[in-house]
Amino acid sequence: MTTYIALINYTDQGIRAVRESPKRLDASRAALREMGGEVKAFYMTMGDIDIVLVFEAPDDAVAARFILMLGALGNVRTKTMKAFPEAAYREIVASLA
């Protein structure tokens, strides 16, 4: 499976309903599981980013569907990155001419 890192910020709507966010996280985990993926790590952070979510999905289309689903609810805005583990990084760098 491919790993993705989502940098998440609450919208005005999301922060007003922050007390409900643990339930939303649980629902998001379940939705991703139904799509064949898995949340690997969740961090509430301080600073410019409110939440860092590390998740796995079978492919980019599933990851995109998951992130679009989160955004469509109106509680968060996301920036998502595809992550390459160290072994893949080393293989990519070694393949450079």
PDB file of N, CA and C in Angstrom:
ATOM      1  N   MET A   1       0.843  -1.189   0.000  1.00  0.00           N
ATOM      2  CA  MET A   1       0.000   0.000   0.000  1.00  0.00           C
ATOM      3  C   MET A   1       0.880   1.241   0.000  1.00  0.00           C
ATOM      4  N   THR A   2       0.332   2.302  -0.509  1.00  0.00           N
ATOM      5  CA  THR A   2       1.044   3.564  -0.578  1.00  0.00           C
ATOM      6  C   THR A   2       0.727   4.398   0.661  1.00  0.00           C
ATOM      7  N   THR A   3       1.737   5.115   1.150  1.00  0.00           N
ATOM      8  CA  THR A   3       1.583   5.975   2.325  1.00  0.00           C
ATOM      9  C   THR A   3       1.369   7.412   1.880  1.00  0.00           C
ATOM     10  N   TYR A   4       0.489   8.095   2.589  1.00  0.00           N
ATOM     11  CA  TYR A   4       0.192   9.503   2.341  1.00  0.00           C
ATOM     12  C   TYR A   4       0.240  10.252   3.668  1.00  0.00           C
ATOM     13  N   ILE A   5       0.626  11.508   3.592  1.00  0.00           N
ATOM     14  CA  ILE A   5       0.631  12.379   4.767  1.00  0.00           C
ATOM     15  C   ILE A   5      -0.281  13.558   4.456  1.00  0.00           C
ATOM     16  N   ALA A   6      -1.285  13.759   5.287  1.00  0.00           N
ATOM     17  CA  ALA A   6      -2.209  14.875   5.113  1.00  0.00           C
ATOM     18  C   ALA A   6      -1.970  15.898   6.208  1.00  0.00           C
ATOM     19  N   LEU A   7      -1.751  17.139   5.797  1.00  0.00           N
ATOM     20  CA  LEU A   7      -1.647  18.263   6.722  1.00  0.00           C
ATOM     21  C   LEU A   7      -3.028  18.912   6.744  1.00  0.00           C
ATOM     22  N   ILE A   8      -3.612  18.980   7.915  1.00  0.00           N
ATOM     23  CA  ILE A   8      -5.029  19.340   8.032  1.00  0.00           C
ATOM     24  C   ILE A   8      -5.198  20.557   8.943  1.00  0.00           C
ATOM     25  N   ASN A   9      -6.060  21.461   8.509  1.00  0.00           N
ATOM     26  CA  ASN A   9      -6.448  22.614   9.326  1.00  0.00           C
ATOM     27  C   ASN A   9      -7.956  22.645   9.449  1.00  0.00           C
ATOM     28  N   TYR A  10      -8.423  23.015  10.639  1.00  0.00           N
ATOM     29  CA  TYR A  10      -9.856  23.184  10.842  1.00  0.00           C
ATOM     30  C   TYR A  10     -10.354  24.395  10.059  1.00  0.00           C
ATOM     31  N   THR A  11     -11.553  24.305   9.518  1.00  0.00           N
ATOM     32  CA  THR A  11     -12.246  25.459   8.965  1.00  0.00           C
ATOM     33  C   THR A  11     -12.948  26.156  10.135  1.00  0.00           C
ATOM     34  N   ASP A  12     -13.560  27.291   9.867  1.00  0.00           N
ATOM     35  CA  ASP A  12     -14.340  27.951  10.920  1.00  0.00           C
ATOM     36  C   ASP A  12     -15.430  27.020  11.437  1.00  0.00           C
ATOM     37  N   GLN A  13     -16.099  26.339  10.526  1.00  0.00           N
ATOM     38  CA  GLN A  13     -17.141  25.379  10.904  1.00  0.00           C
ATOM     39  C   GLN A  13     -16.559  24.270  11.777  1.00  0.00           C
ATOM     40  N   GLY A  14     -15.398  23.749  11.388  1.00  0.00           N
ATOM     41  CA  GLY A  14     -14.782  22.649  12.115  1.00  0.00           C
ATOM     42  C   GLY A  14     -14.339  23.018  13.515  1.00  0.00           C
ATOM     43  N   ILE A  15     -13.787  24.215  13.670  1.00  0.00           N
ATOM     44  CA  ILE A  15     -13.320  24.615  15.006  1.00  0.00           C
ATOM     45  C   ILE A  15     -14.497  24.935  15.921  1.00  0.00           C
ATOM     46  N   ARG A  16     -15.594  25.436  15.346  1.00  0.00           N
ATOM     47  CA  ARG A  16     -16.783  25.694  16.182  1.00  0.00           C
ATOM     48  C   ARG A  16     -17.345  24.379  16.722  1.00  0.00           C
ATOM     49  N   ALA A  17     -17.168  23.293  15.972  1.00  0.00           N
ATOM     50  CA  ALA A  17     -17.678  21.978  16.383  1.00  0.00           C
ATOM     51  C   ALA A  17     -16.535  21.045  16.785  1.00  0.00           C
ATOM     52  N   VAL A  18     -15.465  21.608  17.336  1.00  0.00           N
ATOM     53  CA  VAL A  18     -14.277  20.800  17.641  1.00  0.00           C
ATOM     54  C   VAL A  18     -14.569  19.688  18.653  1.00  0.00           C
ATOM     55  N   ARG A  19     -15.527  19.893  19.514  1.00  0.00           N
ATOM     56  CA  ARG A  19     -15.854  18.850  20.494  1.00  0.00           C
ATOM     57  C   ARG A  19     -16.368  17.570  19.822  1.00  0.00           C
ATOM     58  N   GLU A  20     -16.862  17.709  18.606  1.00  0.00           N
ATOM     59  CA  GLU A  20     -17.347  16.553  17.846  1.00  0.00           C
ATOM     60  C   GLU A  20     -16.249  15.904  17.008  1.00  0.00           C
ATOM     61  N   SER A  21     -15.060  16.499  16.988  1.00  0.00           N
ATOM     62  CA  SER A  21     -14.012  16.001  16.093  1.00  0.00           C
ATOM     63  C   SER A  21     -13.549  14.572  16.400  1.00  0.00           C
ATOM     64  N   PRO A  22     -13.524  14.109  17.653  1.00  0.00           N
ATOM     65  CA  PRO A  22     -13.164  12.693  17.853  1.00  0.00           C
ATOM     66  C   PRO A  22     -14.142  11.733  17.161  1.00  0.00           C
ATOM     67  N   LYS A  23     -15.427  12.069  17.168  1.00  0.00           N
ATOM     68  CA  LYS A  23     -16.410  11.234  16.465  1.00  0.00           C
ATOM     69  C   LYS A  23     -16.167  11.284  14.959  1.00  0.00           C
ATOM     70  N   ARG A  24     -15.810  12.470  14.455  1.00  0.00           N
ATOM     71  CA  ARG A  24     -15.529  12.596  13.024  1.00  0.00           C
ATOM     72  C   ARG A  24     -14.282  11.795  12.652  1.00  0.00           C
ATOM     73  N   LEU A  25     -13.279  11.791  13.524  1.00  0.00           N
ATOM     74  CA  LEU A  25     -12.076  10.999  13.280  1.00  0.00           C
ATOM     75  C   LEU A  25     -12.422   9.517  13.208  1.00  0.00           C
ATOM     76  N   ASP A  26     -13.236   9.053  14.149  1.00  0.00           N
ATOM     77  CA  ASP A  26     -13.642   7.643  14.140  1.00  0.00           C
ATOM     78  C   ASP A  26     -14.388   7.292  12.855  1.00  0.00           C
ATOM     79  N   ALA A  27     -15.279   8.172  12.416  1.00  0.00           N
ATOM     80  CA  ALA A  27     -16.037   7.942  11.182  1.00  0.00           C
ATOM     81  C   ALA A  27     -15.103   7.944   9.969  1.00  0.00           C
ATOM     82  N   SER A  28     -14.100   8.813   9.992  1.00  0.00           N
ATOM     83  CA  SER A  28     -13.132   8.875   8.890  1.00  0.00           C
ATOM     84  C   SER A  28     -12.299   7.605   8.820  1.00  0.00           C
ATOM     85  N   ARG A  29     -11.868   7.119   9.982  1.00  0.00           N
ATOM     86  CA  ARG A  29     -11.123   5.851  10.028  1.00  0.00           C
ATOM     87  C   ARG A  29     -11.944   4.722   9.411  1.00  0.00           C
ATOM     88  N   ALA A  30     -13.218   4.658   9.797  1.00  0.00           N
ATOM     89  CA  ALA A  30     -14.098   3.595   9.301  1.00  0.00           C
ATOM     90  C   ALA A  30     -14.309   3.724   7.791  1.00  0.00           C
ATOM     91  N   ALA A  31     -14.498   4.947   7.309  1.00  0.00           N
ATOM     92  CA  ALA A  31     -14.701   5.161   5.870  1.00  0.00           C
ATOM     93  C   ALA A  31     -13.469   4.748   5.080  1.00  0.00           C
ATOM     94  N   LEU A  32     -12.292   5.114   5.562  1.00  0.00           N
ATOM     95  CA  LEU A  32     -11.064   4.738   4.863  1.00  0.00           C
ATOM     96  C   LEU A  32     -10.888   3.223   4.881  1.00  0.00           C
ATOM     97  N   ARG A  33     -11.199   2.594   5.996  1.00  0.00           N
ATOM     98  CA  ARG A  33     -11.113   1.133   6.094  1.00  0.00           C
ATOM     99  C   ARG A  33     -12.024   0.482   5.050  1.00  0.00           C
ATOM    100  N   GLU A  34     -13.231   1.021   4.868  1.00  0.00           N
ATOM    101  CA  GLU A  34     -14.163   0.492   3.871  1.00  0.00           C
ATOM    102  C   GLU A  34     -13.624   0.654   2.452  1.00  0.00           C
ATOM    103  N   MET A  35     -12.761   1.663   2.232  1.00  0.00           N
ATOM    104  CA  MET A  35     -12.164   1.896   0.923  1.00  0.00           C
ATOM    105  C   MET A  35     -10.913   1.037   0.715  1.00  0.00           C
ATOM    106  N   GLY A  36     -10.535   0.281   1.739  1.00  0.00           N
ATOM    107  CA  GLY A  36      -9.361  -0.583   1.630  1.00  0.00           C
ATOM    108  C   GLY A  36      -8.092   0.026   2.179  1.00  0.00           C
ATOM    109  N   GLY A  37      -8.203   1.170   2.868  1.00  0.00           N
ATOM    110  CA  GLY A  37      -7.041   1.843   3.442  1.00  0.00           C
ATOM    111  C   GLY A  37      -7.030   1.764   4.950  1.00  0.00           C
ATOM    112  N   GLU A  38      -6.084   2.501   5.543  1.00  0.00           N
ATOM    113  CA  GLU A  38      -5.954   2.471   7.001  1.00  0.00           C
ATOM    114  C   GLU A  38      -5.246   3.733   7.489  1.00  0.00           C
ATOM    115  N   VAL A  39      -5.771   4.299   8.574  1.00  0.00           N
ATOM    116  CA  VAL A  39      -5.080   5.402   9.248  1.00  0.00           C
ATOM    117  C   VAL A  39      -3.952   4.779  10.057  1.00  0.00           C
ATOM    118  N   LYS A  40      -2.725   5.217   9.803  1.00  0.00           N
ATOM    119  CA  LYS A  40      -1.563   4.685  10.512  1.00  0.00           C
ATOM    120  C   LYS A  40      -1.188   5.526  11.722  1.00  0.00           C
ATOM    121  N   ALA A  41      -1.409   6.853  11.644  1.00  0.00           N
ATOM    122  CA  ALA A  41      -1.063   7.733  12.766  1.00  0.00           C
ATOM    123  C   ALA A  41      -1.875   9.011  12.671  1.00  0.00           C
ATOM    124  N   PHE A  42      -2.237   9.539  13.827  1.00  0.00           N
ATOM    125  CA  PHE A  42      -2.964  10.798  13.938  1.00  0.00           C
ATOM    126  C   PHE A  42      -2.254  11.639  14.983  1.00  0.00           C
ATOM    127  N   TYR A  43      -1.981  12.889  14.654  1.00  0.00           N
ATOM    128  CA  TYR A  43      -1.345  13.802  15.606  1.00  0.00           C
ATOM    129  C   TYR A  43      -2.077  15.136  15.596  1.00  0.00           C
ATOM    130  N   MET A  44      -2.474  15.615  16.764  1.00  0.00           N
ATOM    131  CA  MET A  44      -2.894  16.995  16.900  1.00  0.00           C
ATOM    132  C   MET A  44      -1.599  17.781  17.081  1.00  0.00           C
ATOM    133  N   THR A  45      -1.420  18.845  16.326  1.00  0.00           N
ATOM    134  CA  THR A  45      -0.169  19.588  16.378  1.00  0.00           C
ATOM    135  C   THR A  45      -0.417  21.047  16.729  1.00  0.00           C
ATOM    136  N   MET A  46       0.639  21.696  17.151  1.00  0.00           N
ATOM    137  CA  MET A  46       0.580  23.122  17.488  1.00  0.00           C
ATOM    138  C   MET A  46       1.353  23.876  16.417  1.00  0.00           C
ATOM    139  N   GLY A  47       0.854  25.042  16.040  1.00  0.00           N
ATOM    140  CA  GLY A  47       1.524  25.834  15.019  1.00  0.00           C
ATOM    141  C   GLY A  47       0.604  26.056  13.839  1.00  0.00           C
ATOM    142  N   ASP A  48       1.167  26.109  12.640  1.00  0.00           N
ATOM    143  CA  ASP A  48       0.395  26.422  11.436  1.00  0.00           C
ATOM    144  C   ASP A  48      -0.524  25.283  10.996  1.00  0.00           C
ATOM    145  N   ILE A  49      -0.252  24.084  11.427  1.00  0.00           N
ATOM    146  CA  ILE A  49      -1.051  22.910  11.051  1.00  0.00           C
ATOM    147  C   ILE A  49      -1.732  22.368  12.309  1.00  0.00           C
ATOM    148  N   ASP A  50      -3.032  22.068  12.198  1.00  0.00           N
ATOM    149  CA  ASP A  50      -3.791  21.565  13.354  1.00  0.00           C
ATOM    150  C   ASP A  50      -3.652  20.062  13.553  1.00  0.00           C
ATOM    151  N   ILE A  51      -3.580  19.321  12.440  1.00  0.00           N
ATOM    152  CA  ILE A  51      -3.561  17.858  12.509  1.00  0.00           C
ATOM    153  C   ILE A  51      -2.631  17.322  11.425  1.00  0.00           C
ATOM    154  N   VAL A  52      -1.888  16.278  11.769  1.00  0.00           N
ATOM    155  CA  VAL A  52      -1.118  15.523  10.778  1.00  0.00           C
ATOM    156  C   VAL A  52      -1.681  14.104  10.787  1.00  0.00           C
ATOM    157  N   LEU A  53      -2.093  13.658   9.603  1.00  0.00           N
ATOM    158  CA  LEU A  53      -2.666  12.332   9.457  1.00  0.00           C
ATOM    159  C   LEU A  53      -1.792  11.525   8.508  1.00  0.00           C
ATOM    160  N   VAL A  54      -1.337  10.371   8.967  1.00  0.00           N
ATOM    161  CA  VAL A  54      -0.570   9.456   8.128  1.00  0.00           C
ATOM    162  C   VAL A  54      -1.495   8.286   7.829  1.00  0.00           C
ATOM    163  N   PHE A  55      -1.696   8.035   6.526  1.00  0.00           N
ATOM    164  CA  PHE A  55      -2.595   6.947   6.169  1.00  0.00           C
ATOM    165  C   PHE A  55      -2.074   6.189   4.965  1.00  0.00           C
ATOM    166  N   GLU A  56      -2.592   4.979   4.803  1.00  0.00           N
ATOM    167  CA  GLU A  56      -2.262   4.146   3.658  1.00  0.00           C
ATOM    168  C   GLU A  56      -3.518   3.935   2.843  1.00  0.00           C
ATOM    169  N   ALA A  57      -3.330   3.875   1.529  1.00  0.00           N
ATOM    170  CA  ALA A  57      -4.430   3.582   0.620  1.00  0.00           C
ATOM    171  C   ALA A  57      -3.909   2.680  -0.492  1.00  0.00           C
ATOM    172  N   PRO A  58      -4.790   1.889  -1.096  1.00  0.00           N
ATOM    173  CA  PRO A  58      -4.354   0.975  -2.145  1.00  0.00           C
ATOM    174  C   PRO A  58      -3.793   1.685  -3.375  1.00  0.00           C
ATOM    175  N   ASP A  59      -4.281   2.907  -3.651  1.00  0.00           N
ATOM    176  CA  ASP A  59      -3.795   3.651  -4.813  1.00  0.00           C
ATOM    177  C   ASP A  59      -4.154   5.128  -4.667  1.00  0.00           C
ATOM    178  N   ASP A  60      -3.673   5.930  -5.615  1.00  0.00           N
ATOM    179  CA  ASP A  60      -3.901   7.376  -5.562  1.00  0.00           C
ATOM    180  C   ASP A  60      -5.382   7.735  -5.656  1.00  0.00           C
ATOM    181  N   ALA A  61      -6.148   6.963  -6.428  1.00  0.00           N
ATOM    182  CA  ALA A  61      -7.568   7.257  -6.576  1.00  0.00           C
ATOM    183  C   ALA A  61      -8.306   7.107  -5.247  1.00  0.00           C
ATOM    184  N   VAL A  62      -7.989   6.080  -4.490  1.00  0.00           N
ATOM    185  CA  VAL A  62      -8.620   5.883  -3.182  1.00  0.00           C
ATOM    186  C   VAL A  62      -8.194   7.002  -2.233  1.00  0.00           C
ATOM    187  N   ALA A  63      -6.923   7.357  -2.253  1.00  0.00           N
ATOM    188  CA  ALA A  63      -6.446   8.454  -1.401  1.00  0.00           C
ATOM    189  C   ALA A  63      -7.166   9.750  -1.746  1.00  0.00           C
ATOM    190  N   ALA A  64      -7.314  10.033  -3.032  1.00  0.00           N
ATOM    191  CA  ALA A  64      -8.003  11.251  -3.459  1.00  0.00           C
ATOM    192  C   ALA A  64      -9.469  11.227  -3.031  1.00  0.00           C
ATOM    193  N   ARG A  65     -10.118  10.090  -3.198  1.00  0.00           N
ATOM    194  CA  ARG A  65     -11.523   9.975  -2.792  1.00  0.00           C
ATOM    195  C   ARG A  65     -11.670  10.223  -1.289  1.00  0.00           C
ATOM    196  N   PHE A  66     -10.765   9.662  -0.502  1.00  0.00           N
ATOM    197  CA  PHE A  66     -10.805   9.848   0.952  1.00  0.00           C
ATOM    198  C   PHE A  66     -10.626  11.321   1.317  1.00  0.00           C
ATOM    199  N   ILE A  67      -9.632  11.969   0.741  1.00  0.00           N
ATOM    200  CA  ILE A  67      -9.359  13.371   1.056  1.00  0.00           C
ATOM    201  C   ILE A  67     -10.508  14.267   0.594  1.00  0.00           C
ATOM    202  N   LEU A  68     -11.060  13.995  -0.588  1.00  0.00           N
ATOM    203  CA  LEU A  68     -12.205  14.770  -1.062  1.00  0.00           C
ATOM    204  C   LEU A  68     -13.408  14.589  -0.150  1.00  0.00           C
ATOM    205  N   MET A  69     -13.607  13.369   0.342  1.00  0.00           N
ATOM    206  CA  MET A  69     -14.695  13.100   1.273  1.00  0.00           C
ATOM    207  C   MET A  69     -14.534  13.935   2.547  1.00  0.00           C
ATOM    208  N   LEU A  70     -13.295  13.982   3.069  1.00  0.00           N
ATOM    209  CA  LEU A  70     -13.049  14.784   4.274  1.00  0.00           C
ATOM    210  C   LEU A  70     -13.354  16.258   4.023  1.00  0.00           C
ATOM    211  N   GLY A  71     -12.842  16.783   2.922  1.00  0.00           N
ATOM    212  CA  GLY A  71     -13.046  18.189   2.607  1.00  0.00           C
ATOM    213  C   GLY A  71     -14.494  18.532   2.366  1.00  0.00           C
ATOM    214  N   ALA A  72     -15.241  17.635   1.746  1.00  0.00           N
ATOM    215  CA  ALA A  72     -16.638  17.896   1.418  1.00  0.00           C
ATOM    216  C   ALA A  72     -17.512  18.075   2.651  1.00  0.00           C
ATOM    217  N   LEU A  73     -17.072  17.542   3.775  1.00  0.00           N
ATOM    218  CA  LEU A  73     -17.845  17.693   5.015  1.00  0.00           C
ATOM    219  C   LEU A  73     -17.772  19.122   5.560  1.00  0.00           C
ATOM    220  N   GLY A  74     -16.758  19.879   5.120  1.00  0.00           N
ATOM    221  CA  GLY A  74     -16.660  21.283   5.490  1.00  0.00           C
ATOM    222  C   GLY A  74     -15.960  21.596   6.792  1.00  0.00           C
ATOM    223  N   ASN A  75     -15.438  20.585   7.473  1.00  0.00           N
ATOM    224  CA  ASN A  75     -14.807  20.819   8.779  1.00  0.00           C
ATOM    225  C   ASN A  75     -13.304  21.039   8.697  1.00  0.00           C
ATOM    226  N   VAL A  76     -12.683  20.591   7.616  1.00  0.00           N
ATOM    227  CA  VAL A  76     -11.230  20.707   7.487  1.00  0.00           C
ATOM    228  C   VAL A  76     -10.837  21.052   6.055  1.00  0.00           C
ATOM    229  N   ARG A  77      -9.629  21.596   5.933  1.00  0.00           N
ATOM    230  CA  ARG A  77      -8.961  21.780   4.652  1.00  0.00           C
ATOM    231  C   ARG A  77      -7.690  20.944   4.723  1.00  0.00           C
ATOM    232  N   THR A  78      -7.327  20.351   3.598  1.00  0.00           N
ATOM    233  CA  THR A  78      -6.188  19.431   3.612  1.00  0.00           C
ATOM    234  C   THR A  78      -5.154  19.782   2.558  1.00  0.00           C
ATOM    235  N   LYS A  79      -3.926  19.394   2.852  1.00  0.00           N
ATOM    236  CA  LYS A  79      -2.827  19.356   1.886  1.00  0.00           C
ATOM    237  C   LYS A  79      -2.242  17.966   2.030  1.00  0.00           C
ATOM    238  N   THR A  80      -2.221  17.229   0.939  1.00  0.00           N
ATOM    239  CA  THR A  80      -1.828  15.828   1.021  1.00  0.00           C
ATOM    240  C   THR A  80      -0.591  15.558   0.173  1.00  0.00           C
ATOM    241  N   MET A  81       0.300  14.754   0.732  1.00  0.00           N
ATOM    242  CA  MET A  81       1.541  14.385   0.059  1.00  0.00           C
ATOM    243  C   MET A  81       1.649  12.876  -0.023  1.00  0.00           C
ATOM    244  N   LYS A  82       2.137  12.394  -1.155  1.00  0.00           N
ATOM    245  CA  LYS A  82       2.457  10.976  -1.281  1.00  0.00           C
ATOM    246  C   LYS A  82       3.836  10.780  -0.661  1.00  0.00           C
ATOM    247  N   ALA A  83       3.979   9.777   0.180  1.00  0.00           N
ATOM    248  CA  ALA A  83       5.232   9.566   0.906  1.00  0.00           C
ATOM    249  C   ALA A  83       5.936   8.304   0.404  1.00  0.00           C
ATOM    250  N   PHE A  84       7.245   8.413   0.209  1.00  0.00           N
ATOM    251  CA  PHE A  84       8.061   7.284  -0.206  1.00  0.00           C
ATOM    252  C   PHE A  84       8.906   6.841   0.988  1.00  0.00           C
ATOM    253  N   PRO A  85       8.841   5.576   1.369  1.00  0.00           N
ATOM    254  CA  PRO A  85       9.673   5.103   2.479  1.00  0.00           C
ATOM    255  C   PRO A  85      11.152   5.118   2.082  1.00  0.00           C
ATOM    256  N   GLU A  86      12.012   4.957   3.079  1.00  0.00           N
ATOM    257  CA  GLU A  86      13.452   5.047   2.836  1.00  0.00           C
ATOM    258  C   GLU A  86      13.927   4.087   1.743  1.00  0.00           C
ATOM    259  N   ALA A  87      13.436   2.866   1.745  1.00  0.00           N
ATOM    260  CA  ALA A  87      13.883   1.895   0.733  1.00  0.00           C
ATOM    261  C   ALA A  87      13.555   2.388  -0.676  1.00  0.00           C
ATOM    262  N   ALA A  88      12.376   2.937  -0.870  1.00  0.00           N
ATOM    263  CA  ALA A  88      11.999   3.466  -2.182  1.00  0.00           C
ATOM    264  C   ALA A  88      12.852   4.679  -2.531  1.00  0.00           C
ATOM    265  N   TYR A  89      13.089   5.548  -1.562  1.00  0.00           N
ATOM    266  CA  TYR A  89      13.958   6.703  -1.761  1.00  0.00           C
ATOM    267  C   TYR A  89      15.332   6.259  -2.254  1.00  0.00           C
ATOM    268  N   ARG A  90      15.909   5.276  -1.579  1.00  0.00           N
ATOM    269  CA  ARG A  90      17.243   4.799  -1.963  1.00  0.00           C
ATOM    270  C   ARG A  90      17.226   4.203  -3.383  1.00  0.00           C
ATOM    271  N   GLU A  91      16.177   3.482  -3.712  1.00  0.00           N
ATOM    272  CA  GLU A  91      16.068   2.893  -5.044  1.00  0.00           C
ATOM    273  C   GLU A  91      15.936   3.984  -6.114  1.00  0.00           C
ATOM    274  N   ILE A  92      15.145   4.991  -5.840  1.00  0.00           N
ATOM    275  CA  ILE A  92      14.963   6.093  -6.790  1.00  0.00           C
ATOM    276  C   ILE A  92      16.268   6.830  -7.007  1.00  0.00           C
ATOM    277  N   VAL A  93      16.965   7.165  -5.922  1.00  0.00           N
ATOM    278  CA  VAL A  93      18.231   7.890  -6.038  1.00  0.00           C
ATOM    279  C   VAL A  93      19.273   7.027  -6.762  1.00  0.00           C
ATOM    280  N   ALA A  94      19.311   5.748  -6.455  1.00  0.00           N
ATOM    281  CA  ALA A  94      20.281   4.851  -7.111  1.00  0.00           C
ATOM    282  C   ALA A  94      20.037   4.731  -8.611  1.00  0.00           C
ATOM    283  N   SER A  95      18.801   4.956  -9.033  1.00  0.00           N
ATOM    284  CA  SER A  95      18.476   4.812 -10.456  1.00  0.00           C
ATOM    285  C   SER A  95      18.848   6.047 -11.280  1.00  0.00           C
ATOM    286  N   LEU A  96      19.288   7.114 -10.611  1.00  0.00           N
ATOM    287  CA  LEU A  96      19.659   8.332 -11.350  1.00  0.00           C
ATOM    288  C   LEU A  96      20.920   8.069 -12.164  1.00  0.00           C
ATOM    289  N   ALA A  97      20.923   8.589 -13.353  1.00  0.00           N
ATOM    290  CA  ALA A  97      22.073   8.377 -14.241  1.00  0.00           C
ATOM    291  C   ALA A  97      23.229   9.285 -13.865  1.00  0.00           C
TER     292      ALA A  97
END
